[in-house]
Amino acid sequence: MTTIIQKEAIILAGGFGTRLQGVVKDVPKPMAPVNGRPFLTYILDYLIDYNYAKVILSVGYLHEKIEEYFGNHYKSLEIDYAVETEPLGTGGGIAYAMSKCSTDHILVINGDTMFKVELSAFERFHEERQGLLSIVLREVEDVSRYGSVTIDDDNTIVHFAEKGATEGRGFINGGVYLIDQGLLDTYPQPVKFSFERDLMEKLYATEPFYAMPSDGYFIDIGIPEDYARAQVELI
């Protein structure tokens, strides 16, 4: 497996934003204004800080709003679009966007959350283990709202628990992935699938997937209370 030289990222930006529609209307969630500019610009600036050169935006709902605002460049970033004509699920969206990538390893993040992972450390983590998939974990006080992830001493994922199945302090999936292009070649999926349920949670017992904990800043603007908090915390 080759050394990571890629600086390409996929941002999942196709959600409907149902919980946020009482506060933000007529734009997709990543375009929700935070201190006068789209939330997505904060994510793009974060990727620029780690020398990413190209972003593929996986879009669907109101994708025109995103394309009209950004076009094909944002500062030093090249932007391409993987437009879903119908919802493909997280896995289908990732697979379609990956077809527009040219590098061996691709970073995947969500367009409605900011998780300030130390990406250089995460890239080293993925390279050292030479696996097909690495994810970032976030420790929370109560995992019951999210579902939990358990790892062993070698940072190999050994268990996923469904939302509500466990409670108390633990690790959750932070929604930040490094994916080897060979993953979907090795384990082909249907056009529509969930990356979490249909791939990760079914294959981890036979294919080693790895997870790196991070205590980086985290906020999910899909929740109205946290969207209000973003106005104060993100500058």
C-alpha atoms as a PDB file:
ATOM      1  CA  MET A   1       0.000   0.000   0.000  1.00  0.00           C
ATOM      2  CA  THR A   2       1.373   3.367  -0.975  1.00  0.00           C
ATOM      3  CA  THR A   3       2.319   6.226   1.302  1.00  0.00           C
ATOM      4  CA  ILE A   4      -0.359   8.881   1.709  1.00  0.00           C
ATOM      5  CA  ILE A   5       0.353  11.711  -0.688  1.00  0.00           C
ATOM      6  CA  GLN A   6      -3.270  12.598  -1.331  1.00  0.00           C
ATOM      7  CA  LYS A   7      -4.923  15.771  -0.329  1.00  0.00           C
ATOM      8  CA  GLU A   8      -8.409  15.102  -1.623  1.00  0.00           C
ATOM      9  CA  ALA A   9     -11.506  15.168   0.558  1.00  0.00           C
ATOM     10  CA  ILE A  10     -15.180  14.325   0.158  1.00  0.00           C
ATOM     11  CA  ILE A  11     -17.709  16.400   2.073  1.00  0.00           C
ATOM     12  CA  LEU A  12     -21.163  14.877   2.507  1.00  0.00           C
ATOM     13  CA  ALA A  13     -23.417  17.863   1.913  1.00  0.00           C
ATOM     14  CA  GLY A  14     -26.663  16.386   0.613  1.00  0.00           C
ATOM     15  CA  GLY A  15     -28.844  16.183   3.751  1.00  0.00           C
ATOM     16  CA  PHE A  16     -32.347  17.652   3.973  1.00  0.00           C
ATOM     17  CA  GLY A  17     -31.797  19.391   7.310  1.00  0.00           C
ATOM     18  CA  THR A  18     -35.253  18.533   8.636  1.00  0.00           C
ATOM     19  CA  ARG A  19     -34.495  19.459  12.268  1.00  0.00           C
ATOM     20  CA  LEU A  20     -33.049  22.809  11.221  1.00  0.00           C
ATOM     21  CA  GLN A  21     -35.838  23.951   8.905  1.00  0.00           C
ATOM     22  CA  GLY A  22     -37.619  25.841  11.676  1.00  0.00           C
ATOM     23  CA  VAL A  23     -34.533  28.060  11.947  1.00  0.00           C
ATOM     24  CA  VAL A  24     -32.957  28.004   8.469  1.00  0.00           C
ATOM     25  CA  LYS A  25     -35.066  27.757   5.309  1.00  0.00           C
ATOM     26  CA  ASP A  26     -34.365  27.520   1.589  1.00  0.00           C
ATOM     27  CA  VAL A  27     -30.726  26.428   1.852  1.00  0.00           C
ATOM     28  CA  PRO A  28     -29.108  23.032   2.481  1.00  0.00           C
ATOM     29  CA  LYS A  29     -27.651  22.547   5.960  1.00  0.00           C
ATOM     30  CA  PRO A  30     -24.004  23.199   5.014  1.00  0.00           C
ATOM     31  CA  MET A  31     -25.048  26.610   3.667  1.00  0.00           C
ATOM     32  CA  ALA A  32     -26.711  27.684   6.928  1.00  0.00           C
ATOM     33  CA  PRO A  33     -25.281  31.119   7.801  1.00  0.00           C
ATOM     34  CA  VAL A  34     -22.913  31.313  10.750  1.00  0.00           C
ATOM     35  CA  ASN A  35     -21.772  34.840  11.549  1.00  0.00           C
ATOM     36  CA  GLY A  36     -22.636  36.033   8.069  1.00  0.00           C
ATOM     37  CA  ARG A  37     -21.119  33.256   5.977  1.00  0.00           C
ATOM     38  CA  PRO A  38     -22.038  29.664   5.105  1.00  0.00           C
ATOM     39  CA  PHE A  39     -21.053  27.003   7.631  1.00  0.00           C
ATOM     40  CA  LEU A  40     -19.368  25.118   4.797  1.00  0.00           C
ATOM     41  CA  THR A  41     -16.727  27.849   4.479  1.00  0.00           C
ATOM     42  CA  TYR A  42     -15.482  27.013   7.979  1.00  0.00           C
ATOM     43  CA  ILE A  43     -14.997  23.387   6.935  1.00  0.00           C
ATOM     44  CA  LEU A  44     -13.206  24.361   3.738  1.00  0.00           C
ATOM     45  CA  ASP A  45     -10.884  26.726   5.635  1.00  0.00           C
ATOM     46  CA  TYR A  46     -10.100  23.866   8.030  1.00  0.00           C
ATOM     47  CA  LEU A  47      -9.106  21.622   5.100  1.00  0.00           C
ATOM     48  CA  ILE A  48      -6.965  24.384   3.604  1.00  0.00           C
ATOM     49  CA  ASP A  49      -5.088  24.581   6.910  1.00  0.00           C
ATOM     50  CA  TYR A  50      -4.039  20.947   6.305  1.00  0.00           C
ATOM     51  CA  ASN A  51      -3.019  21.571   2.691  1.00  0.00           C
ATOM     52  CA  TYR A  52      -5.914  19.825   0.997  1.00  0.00           C
ATOM     53  CA  ALA A  53      -6.045  20.776  -2.665  1.00  0.00           C
ATOM     54  CA  LYS A  54      -9.335  19.304  -3.925  1.00  0.00           C
ATOM     55  CA  VAL A  55     -12.776  18.742  -2.449  1.00  0.00           C
ATOM     56  CA  ILE A  56     -15.634  16.742  -3.936  1.00  0.00           C
ATOM     57  CA  LEU A  57     -18.969  17.920  -2.554  1.00  0.00           C
ATOM     58  CA  SER A  58     -21.506  15.089  -2.393  1.00  0.00           C
ATOM     59  CA  VAL A  59     -24.730  17.047  -2.890  1.00  0.00           C
ATOM     60  CA  GLY A  60     -28.400  16.554  -3.632  1.00  0.00           C
ATOM     61  CA  TYR A  61     -31.053  18.678  -1.949  1.00  0.00           C
ATOM     62  CA  LEU A  62     -30.809  22.303  -3.174  1.00  0.00           C
ATOM     63  CA  HIS A  63     -27.371  21.604  -4.616  1.00  0.00           C
ATOM     64  CA  GLU A  64     -27.759  24.602  -6.911  1.00  0.00           C
ATOM     65  CA  LYS A  65     -27.398  26.902  -3.905  1.00  0.00           C
ATOM     66  CA  ILE A  66     -23.984  25.435  -3.138  1.00  0.00           C
ATOM     67  CA  GLU A  67     -22.795  25.470  -6.740  1.00  0.00           C
ATOM     68  CA  GLU A  68     -23.929  29.056  -7.275  1.00  0.00           C
ATOM     69  CA  TYR A  69     -22.049  30.237  -4.202  1.00  0.00           C
ATOM     70  CA  PHE A  70     -18.761  28.365  -4.639  1.00  0.00           C
ATOM     71  CA  GLY A  71     -18.435  27.469  -8.285  1.00  0.00           C
ATOM     72  CA  ASN A  72     -15.325  25.353  -8.876  1.00  0.00           C
ATOM     73  CA  HIS A  73     -12.908  27.052  -6.463  1.00  0.00           C
ATOM     74  CA  TYR A  74     -12.744  28.349  -2.930  1.00  0.00           C
ATOM     75  CA  LYS A  75      -9.467  30.115  -2.134  1.00  0.00           C
ATOM     76  CA  SER A  76      -6.783  27.502  -2.925  1.00  0.00           C
ATOM     77  CA  LEU A  77      -9.237  24.583  -3.122  1.00  0.00           C
ATOM     78  CA  GLU A  78     -10.473  23.038  -6.344  1.00  0.00           C
ATOM     79  CA  ILE A  79     -14.130  22.036  -5.989  1.00  0.00           C
ATOM     80  CA  ASP A  80     -15.967  19.312  -7.885  1.00  0.00           C
ATOM     81  CA  TYR A  81     -19.533  18.073  -7.369  1.00  0.00           C
ATOM     82  CA  ALA A  82     -21.090  14.612  -7.144  1.00  0.00           C
ATOM     83  CA  VAL A  83     -24.776  15.443  -7.614  1.00  0.00           C
ATOM     84  CA  GLU A  84     -27.265  12.776  -6.531  1.00  0.00           C
ATOM     85  CA  THR A  85     -30.458  12.805  -8.619  1.00  0.00           C
ATOM     86  CA  GLU A  86     -32.010  10.626  -5.901  1.00  0.00           C
ATOM     87  CA  PRO A  87     -30.801   9.898  -2.353  1.00  0.00           C
ATOM     88  CA  LEU A  88     -28.106   7.197  -2.386  1.00  0.00           C
ATOM     89  CA  GLY A  89     -27.501   6.902   1.351  1.00  0.00           C
ATOM     90  CA  THR A  90     -24.169   7.764   2.951  1.00  0.00           C
ATOM     91  CA  GLY A  91     -22.443   4.838   1.302  1.00  0.00           C
ATOM     92  CA  GLY A  92     -23.825   5.456  -2.163  1.00  0.00           C
ATOM     93  CA  GLY A  93     -22.919   9.125  -1.878  1.00  0.00           C
ATOM     94  CA  ILE A  94     -19.369   8.297  -0.829  1.00  0.00           C
ATOM     95  CA  ALA A  95     -18.949   5.729  -3.608  1.00  0.00           C
ATOM     96  CA  TYR A  96     -20.177   8.150  -6.273  1.00  0.00           C
ATOM     97  CA  ALA A  97     -17.914  10.932  -5.011  1.00  0.00           C
ATOM     98  CA  MET A  98     -14.935   8.550  -4.824  1.00  0.00           C
ATOM     99  CA  SER A  99     -15.319   7.899  -8.554  1.00  0.00           C
ATOM    100  CA  LYS A 100     -14.238  11.522  -9.029  1.00  0.00           C
ATOM    101  CA  CYS A 101     -11.098  11.097  -6.897  1.00  0.00           C
ATOM    102  CA  SER A 102      -7.683  10.231  -8.299  1.00  0.00           C
ATOM    103  CA  THR A 103      -5.722   9.382  -5.140  1.00  0.00           C
ATOM    104  CA  ASP A 104      -5.368   6.154  -3.181  1.00  0.00           C
ATOM    105  CA  HIS A 105      -6.744   7.487   0.104  1.00  0.00           C
ATOM    106  CA  ILE A 106      -9.609   9.920   0.521  1.00  0.00           C
ATOM    107  CA  LEU A 107     -10.709  11.877   3.575  1.00  0.00           C
ATOM    108  CA  VAL A 108     -14.483  11.870   4.134  1.00  0.00           C
ATOM    109  CA  ILE A 109     -16.238  14.306   6.481  1.00  0.00           C
ATOM    110  CA  ASN A 110     -19.752  15.614   7.083  1.00  0.00           C
ATOM    111  CA  GLY A 111     -20.907  18.989   5.792  1.00  0.00           C
ATOM    112  CA  ASP A 112     -23.013  19.821   8.837  1.00  0.00           C
ATOM    113  CA  THR A 113     -20.472  19.105  11.580  1.00  0.00           C
ATOM    114  CA  MET A 114     -17.155  20.597  12.549  1.00  0.00           C
ATOM    115  CA  PHE A 115     -14.791  18.101  14.182  1.00  0.00           C
ATOM    116  CA  LYS A 116     -11.342  19.657  14.435  1.00  0.00           C
ATOM    117  CA  VAL A 117      -9.311  16.489  14.210  1.00  0.00           C
ATOM    118  CA  GLU A 118      -5.536  16.841  13.901  1.00  0.00           C
ATOM    119  CA  LEU A 119      -5.594  15.590  10.318  1.00  0.00           C
ATOM    120  CA  SER A 120      -1.835  15.159   9.965  1.00  0.00           C
ATOM    121  CA  ALA A 121      -1.878  12.773  12.922  1.00  0.00           C
ATOM    122  CA  PHE A 122      -4.884  10.938  11.467  1.00  0.00           C
ATOM    123  CA  GLU A 123      -3.118  10.511   8.122  1.00  0.00           C
ATOM    124  CA  ARG A 124      -0.081   9.028   9.891  1.00  0.00           C
ATOM    125  CA  PHE A 125      -2.365   6.750  11.913  1.00  0.00           C
ATOM    126  CA  HIS A 126      -3.994   5.421   8.732  1.00  0.00           C
ATOM    127  CA  GLU A 127      -0.704   4.998   6.883  1.00  0.00           C
ATOM    128  CA  GLU A 128       0.960   3.083   9.715  1.00  0.00           C
ATOM    129  CA  ARG A 129      -1.865   0.534   9.924  1.00  0.00           C
ATOM    130  CA  GLN A 130      -2.225   0.064   6.166  1.00  0.00           C
ATOM    131  CA  GLY A 131      -5.911  -0.792   6.459  1.00  0.00           C
ATOM    132  CA  LEU A 132      -8.755  -0.101   4.076  1.00  0.00           C
ATOM    133  CA  LEU A 133     -10.588   2.149   6.529  1.00  0.00           C
ATOM    134  CA  SER A 134      -9.761   4.315   9.538  1.00  0.00           C
ATOM    135  CA  ILE A 135     -12.265   6.414  11.467  1.00  0.00           C
ATOM    136  CA  VAL A 136     -12.048   9.058  14.178  1.00  0.00           C
ATOM    137  CA  LEU A 137     -13.810   8.582  17.509  1.00  0.00           C
ATOM    138  CA  ARG A 138     -15.138  11.208  19.880  1.00  0.00           C
ATOM    139  CA  GLU A 139     -15.511  10.511  23.618  1.00  0.00           C
ATOM    140  CA  VAL A 140     -18.851  11.680  25.075  1.00  0.00           C
ATOM    141  CA  GLU A 141     -20.517  11.573  28.484  1.00  0.00           C
ATOM    142  CA  ASP A 142     -23.449   9.437  27.298  1.00  0.00           C
ATOM    143  CA  VAL A 143     -23.294   7.259  24.194  1.00  0.00           C
ATOM    144  CA  SER A 144     -26.999   6.287  24.315  1.00  0.00           C
ATOM    145  CA  ARG A 145     -27.987   9.141  21.961  1.00  0.00           C
ATOM    146  CA  TYR A 146     -25.508   8.054  19.289  1.00  0.00           C
ATOM    147  CA  GLY A 147     -24.497   4.415  19.583  1.00  0.00           C
ATOM    148  CA  SER A 148     -20.982   3.452  20.622  1.00  0.00           C
ATOM    149  CA  VAL A 149     -17.751   2.071  19.178  1.00  0.00           C
ATOM    150  CA  THR A 150     -15.327  -0.158  21.103  1.00  0.00           C
ATOM    151  CA  ILE A 151     -11.659  -0.589  20.198  1.00  0.00           C
ATOM    152  CA  ASP A 152      -8.898  -2.838  21.503  1.00  0.00           C
ATOM    153  CA  ASP A 153      -5.376  -1.890  22.598  1.00  0.00           C
ATOM    154  CA  ASP A 154      -4.242  -1.810  18.956  1.00  0.00           C
ATOM    155  CA  ASN A 155      -7.015   0.636  17.983  1.00  0.00           C
ATOM    156  CA  THR A 156      -8.834  -2.057  16.003  1.00  0.00           C
ATOM    157  CA  ILE A 157     -12.621  -1.757  16.082  1.00  0.00           C
ATOM    158  CA  VAL A 158     -14.073  -4.731  17.959  1.00  0.00           C
ATOM    159  CA  HIS A 159     -17.711  -3.712  18.413  1.00  0.00           C
ATOM    160  CA  PHE A 160     -20.452  -1.336  17.297  1.00  0.00           C
ATOM    161  CA  ALA A 161     -23.482  -0.811  19.555  1.00  0.00           C
ATOM    162  CA  GLU A 162     -26.759   0.604  18.255  1.00  0.00           C
ATOM    163  CA  LYS A 163     -28.216   3.860  19.542  1.00  0.00           C
ATOM    164  CA  GLY A 164     -29.792   3.236  22.952  1.00  0.00           C
ATOM    165  CA  ALA A 165     -28.157  -0.184  23.394  1.00  0.00           C
ATOM    166  CA  THR A 166     -25.536   1.140  25.817  1.00  0.00           C
ATOM    167  CA  GLU A 167     -25.237   4.228  27.971  1.00  0.00           C
ATOM    168  CA  GLY A 168     -22.645   6.153  29.928  1.00  0.00           C
ATOM    169  CA  ARG A 169     -19.271   7.510  28.901  1.00  0.00           C
ATOM    170  CA  GLY A 170     -17.679   6.066  25.792  1.00  0.00           C
ATOM    171  CA  PHE A 171     -16.654   6.555  22.182  1.00  0.00           C
ATOM    172  CA  ILE A 172     -18.914   7.426  19.272  1.00  0.00           C
ATOM    173  CA  ASN A 173     -18.252   7.525  15.539  1.00  0.00           C
ATOM    174  CA  GLY A 174     -17.101  11.088  14.827  1.00  0.00           C
ATOM    175  CA  GLY A 175     -17.957  10.893  11.112  1.00  0.00           C
ATOM    176  CA  VAL A 176     -14.377  11.459   9.896  1.00  0.00           C
ATOM    177  CA  TYR A 177     -12.934   8.691   7.698  1.00  0.00           C
ATOM    178  CA  LEU A 178      -9.853   7.877   5.665  1.00  0.00           C
ATOM    179  CA  ILE A 179     -10.899   5.393   3.006  1.00  0.00           C
ATOM    180  CA  ASP A 180      -8.654   3.397   0.707  1.00  0.00           C
ATOM    181  CA  GLN A 181      -9.885   3.288  -2.890  1.00  0.00           C
ATOM    182  CA  GLY A 182      -9.654  -0.492  -2.675  1.00  0.00           C
ATOM    183  CA  LEU A 183     -12.355  -0.771  -0.011  1.00  0.00           C
ATOM    184  CA  LEU A 184     -15.302  -0.716  -2.375  1.00  0.00           C
ATOM    185  CA  ASP A 185     -13.440  -2.820  -4.947  1.00  0.00           C
ATOM    186  CA  THR A 186     -12.881  -5.474  -2.290  1.00  0.00           C
ATOM    187  CA  TYR A 187     -16.399  -5.204  -0.878  1.00  0.00           C
ATOM    188  CA  PRO A 188     -18.716  -4.015  -3.672  1.00  0.00           C
ATOM    189  CA  GLN A 189     -22.061  -2.592  -2.579  1.00  0.00           C
ATOM    190  CA  PRO A 190     -25.380  -1.748  -4.246  1.00  0.00           C
ATOM    191  CA  VAL A 191     -25.892   1.748  -5.660  1.00  0.00           C
ATOM    192  CA  LYS A 192     -27.820   2.796  -2.543  1.00  0.00           C
ATOM    193  CA  PHE A 193     -26.424   1.785   0.841  1.00  0.00           C
ATOM    194  CA  SER A 194     -25.531   3.025   4.294  1.00  0.00           C
ATOM    195  CA  PHE A 195     -21.789   3.272   4.827  1.00  0.00           C
ATOM    196  CA  GLU A 196     -22.247   2.764   8.556  1.00  0.00           C
ATOM    197  CA  ARG A 197     -24.818  -0.056   8.731  1.00  0.00           C
ATOM    198  CA  ASP A 198     -24.198  -1.945   5.488  1.00  0.00           C
ATOM    199  CA  LEU A 199     -20.415  -1.744   5.358  1.00  0.00           C
ATOM    200  CA  MET A 200     -18.643  -0.822   8.599  1.00  0.00           C
ATOM    201  CA  GLU A 201     -20.943  -2.617  11.016  1.00  0.00           C
ATOM    202  CA  LYS A 202     -21.124  -5.767   8.875  1.00  0.00           C
ATOM    203  CA  LEU A 203     -17.471  -6.114   7.898  1.00  0.00           C
ATOM    204  CA  TYR A 204     -15.434  -5.051  10.950  1.00  0.00           C
ATOM    205  CA  ALA A 205     -15.410  -8.595  12.353  1.00  0.00           C
ATOM    206  CA  THR A 206     -13.615  -9.985   9.295  1.00  0.00           C
ATOM    207  CA  GLU A 207     -11.777  -6.943   7.882  1.00  0.00           C
ATOM    208  CA  PRO A 208      -9.638  -4.931  10.316  1.00  0.00           C
ATOM    209  CA  PHE A 209     -10.945  -1.374  10.564  1.00  0.00           C
ATOM    210  CA  TYR A 210      -9.127   1.070  12.821  1.00  0.00           C
ATOM    211  CA  ALA A 211     -10.209   4.010  14.959  1.00  0.00           C
ATOM    212  CA  MET A 212      -8.296   6.968  16.391  1.00  0.00           C
ATOM    213  CA  PRO A 213      -9.788   8.855  19.356  1.00  0.00           C
ATOM    214  CA  SER A 214      -9.698  12.654  19.202  1.00  0.00           C
ATOM    215  CA  ASP A 215     -10.702  15.310  21.704  1.00  0.00           C
ATOM    216  CA  GLY A 216     -10.842  18.050  19.058  1.00  0.00           C
ATOM    217  CA  TYR A 217     -13.563  20.684  19.028  1.00  0.00           C
ATOM    218  CA  PHE A 218     -16.890  19.236  17.838  1.00  0.00           C
ATOM    219  CA  ILE A 219     -20.206  20.835  16.882  1.00  0.00           C
ATOM    220  CA  ASP A 220     -23.202  19.561  14.881  1.00  0.00           C
ATOM    221  CA  ILE A 221     -25.273  22.407  13.429  1.00  0.00           C
ATOM    222  CA  GLY A 222     -28.105  20.041  12.493  1.00  0.00           C
ATOM    223  CA  ILE A 223     -29.429  20.524  16.028  1.00  0.00           C
ATOM    224  CA  PRO A 224     -31.027  23.989  16.511  1.00  0.00           C
ATOM    225  CA  GLU A 225     -29.443  24.521  19.944  1.00  0.00           C
ATOM    226  CA  ASP A 226     -25.992  23.737  18.584  1.00  0.00           C
ATOM    227  CA  TYR A 227     -26.612  25.888  15.519  1.00  0.00           C
ATOM    228  CA  ALA A 228     -27.211  28.795  17.897  1.00  0.00           C
ATOM    229  CA  ARG A 229     -24.027  27.858  19.779  1.00  0.00           C
ATOM    230  CA  ALA A 230     -22.056  27.920  16.527  1.00  0.00           C
ATOM    231  CA  GLN A 231     -22.879  31.610  16.129  1.00  0.00           C
ATOM    232  CA  VAL A 232     -20.936  32.273  19.323  1.00  0.00           C
ATOM    233  CA  GLU A 233     -18.120  29.737  19.038  1.00  0.00           C
ATOM    234  CA  LEU A 234     -17.145  29.908  15.373  1.00  0.00           C
ATOM    235  CA  ILE A 235     -15.413  33.069  14.229  1.00  0.00           C
END
